Amino acid sequence: MTLSLQIAWLFLLPVPIACIAWTVTHEEIFKEPREFCVKCSKEGSLLKKKFFYLFTCEYCFSHYVTAAMLLLTNFKLLLPDWRGYIIAGFSLVWIANIYMSLYARIRMDIKKEKIDIAEKEEQLNNRK
């Protein structure tokens, strides 16, 4: 795989990684399993706590999603052997987490705008 193709993969593959990690750790569709995992991550053995915690932290979970994606795609970065997997793994996690941070920031800005609009509409309605 050429270096330019590897770079394209490096910036495209984190998109589904970030999507999966964010959805499992934040979105409403996984709320009940996540709440169960939060509860289990606070009690029991250390191994049990750590296992369940990984489903509540997008950074932690993104490592496992990345490992699955590497197995699925056989993507290696810079080197054609096992070292390429390691470089690719940490690089993909890093970029996926940048994407998730940007997404969180955008969502926060949108939520703030919705609150501001609702407050202004309420003020207008109170004046009438």
Protein backbone atom coordinates (compact mmCIF):
# COMPACT_ATOMS: atom_id res chain seq x y z
CA MET A 1 0.00 0.00 0.00
CA THR A 2 1.43 3.37 -0.97
CA LEU A 3 2.06 6.03 1.67
CA SER A 4 -0.65 8.30 0.23
CA LEU A 5 -3.18 5.46 0.40
CA GLN A 6 -2.11 4.71 3.97
CA ILE A 7 -2.66 8.35 4.90
CA ALA A 8 -6.13 8.26 3.33
CA TRP A 9 -6.95 5.14 5.38
CA LEU A 10 -5.47 6.82 8.46
CA PHE A 11 -8.01 9.64 8.27
CA LEU A 12 -11.00 7.65 6.98
CA LEU A 13 -10.87 4.55 9.17
CA PRO A 14 -11.22 6.54 12.42
CA VAL A 15 -14.64 7.78 11.27
CA PRO A 16 -16.44 4.44 11.88
CA ILE A 17 -14.25 3.82 14.94
CA ALA A 18 -15.33 7.13 16.45
CA CYS A 19 -18.95 6.56 15.43
CA ILE A 20 -19.13 3.15 17.11
CA ALA A 21 -17.25 4.24 20.24
CA TRP A 22 -19.36 7.38 20.66
CA THR A 23 -22.65 5.61 20.03
CA VAL A 24 -21.99 2.86 22.57
CA THR A 25 -20.66 5.20 25.26
CA HIS A 26 -23.00 8.21 24.85
CA GLU A 27 -26.14 7.74 22.81
CA GLU A 28 -29.63 6.96 24.06
CA ILE A 29 -29.90 3.67 22.17
CA PHE A 30 -27.35 2.10 24.55
CA LYS A 31 -28.50 3.94 27.70
CA GLU A 32 -29.71 0.91 29.67
CA PRO A 33 -26.70 -1.34 28.96
CA ARG A 34 -24.40 1.61 29.70
CA GLU A 35 -26.14 2.31 33.04
CA PHE A 36 -25.73 -1.38 33.90
CA CYS A 37 -22.03 -1.13 33.01
CA VAL A 38 -21.63 2.01 35.14
CA LYS A 39 -23.19 0.19 38.09
CA CYS A 40 -20.99 -2.88 37.59
CA SER A 41 -17.88 -0.73 37.18
CA LYS A 42 -18.30 0.53 40.75
CA GLU A 43 -18.60 -2.79 42.57
CA GLY A 44 -16.97 -6.21 42.58
CA SER A 45 -13.47 -7.30 41.75
CA LEU A 46 -10.92 -5.06 40.08
CA LEU A 47 -11.10 -7.11 36.88
CA LYS A 48 -14.90 -6.82 36.80
CA LYS A 49 -14.75 -3.06 37.43
CA LYS A 50 -12.24 -2.51 34.63
CA PHE A 51 -14.13 -4.73 32.19
CA PHE A 52 -17.41 -2.87 32.63
CA TYR A 53 -15.71 0.55 32.74
CA LEU A 54 -14.46 0.15 29.19
CA PHE A 55 -18.07 0.34 27.92
CA THR A 56 -18.56 3.73 29.61
CA CYS A 57 -15.42 5.53 28.38
CA GLU A 58 -15.17 6.48 24.70
CA TYR A 59 -11.38 6.66 24.86
CA CYS A 60 -11.04 3.18 26.39
CA PHE A 61 -13.67 1.65 24.13
CA SER A 62 -12.08 3.17 21.02
CA HIS A 63 -9.00 0.99 21.60
CA TYR A 64 -11.11 -2.16 21.35
CA VAL A 65 -13.04 -0.90 18.35
CA THR A 66 -9.73 -0.04 16.70
CA ALA A 67 -8.38 -3.53 17.38
CA ALA A 68 -11.48 -5.01 15.76
CA MET A 69 -11.11 -2.69 12.76
CA LEU A 70 -7.46 -3.64 12.36
CA LEU A 71 -8.44 -7.32 12.30
CA LEU A 72 -11.22 -6.59 9.85
CA THR A 73 -9.19 -4.42 7.47
CA ASN A 74 -5.62 -5.71 7.94
CA PHE A 75 -4.49 -2.05 7.93
CA LYS A 76 -0.83 -1.42 8.73
CA LEU A 77 0.85 1.97 8.87
CA LEU A 78 4.39 2.63 7.61
CA LEU A 79 5.74 -0.89 8.23
CA PRO A 80 4.47 -4.12 6.60
CA ASP A 81 4.84 -6.36 9.69
CA TRP A 82 3.41 -6.49 13.24
CA ARG A 83 4.97 -3.11 14.03
CA GLY A 84 2.73 -1.57 11.36
CA TYR A 85 -0.30 -2.83 13.30
CA ILE A 86 0.92 -1.19 16.50
CA ILE A 87 1.66 2.13 14.80
CA ALA A 88 -1.69 1.99 13.00
CA GLY A 89 -3.56 1.09 16.18
CA PHE A 90 -2.33 3.99 18.25
CA SER A 91 -2.62 6.40 15.32
CA LEU A 92 -6.21 5.38 14.60
CA VAL A 93 -7.18 5.71 18.28
CA TRP A 94 -5.63 9.16 18.44
CA ILE A 95 -7.42 10.44 15.35
CA ALA A 96 -10.72 8.79 16.31
CA ASN A 97 -10.56 10.59 19.65
CA ILE A 98 -9.86 13.89 17.93
CA TYR A 99 -12.97 13.28 15.82
CA MET A 100 -15.02 12.46 18.93
CA SER A 101 -13.76 15.61 20.68
CA LEU A 102 -14.75 17.73 17.70
CA TYR A 103 -18.15 16.03 17.56
CA ALA A 104 -18.70 16.63 21.29
CA ARG A 105 -17.77 20.28 20.85
CA ILE A 106 -20.15 20.71 17.91
CA ARG A 107 -22.97 19.03 19.84
CA MET A 108 -22.33 21.28 22.83
CA ASP A 109 -22.47 24.37 20.61
CA ILE A 110 -25.71 23.20 18.99
CA LYS A 111 -27.26 22.48 22.39
CA LYS A 112 -26.21 25.92 23.64
CA GLU A 113 -27.75 27.56 20.59
CA LYS A 114 -31.02 25.66 21.13
CA ILE A 115 -31.12 26.81 24.76
CA ASP A 116 -30.42 30.40 23.74
CA ILE A 117 -33.18 30.28 21.11
CA ALA A 118 -35.64 28.79 23.59
CA GLU A 119 -34.83 31.52 26.14
CA LYS A 120 -35.29 34.27 23.53
CA GLU A 121 -38.60 32.76 22.37
CA GLU A 122 -39.77 32.60 25.98
CA GLN A 123 -38.81 36.26 26.50
CA LEU A 124 -40.75 37.23 23.35
CA ASN A 125 -43.78 35.23 24.46
CA ASN A 126 -43.69 36.87 27.90
CA ARG A 127 -43.71 40.35 26.33
CA LYS A 128 -46.92 39.62 24.44
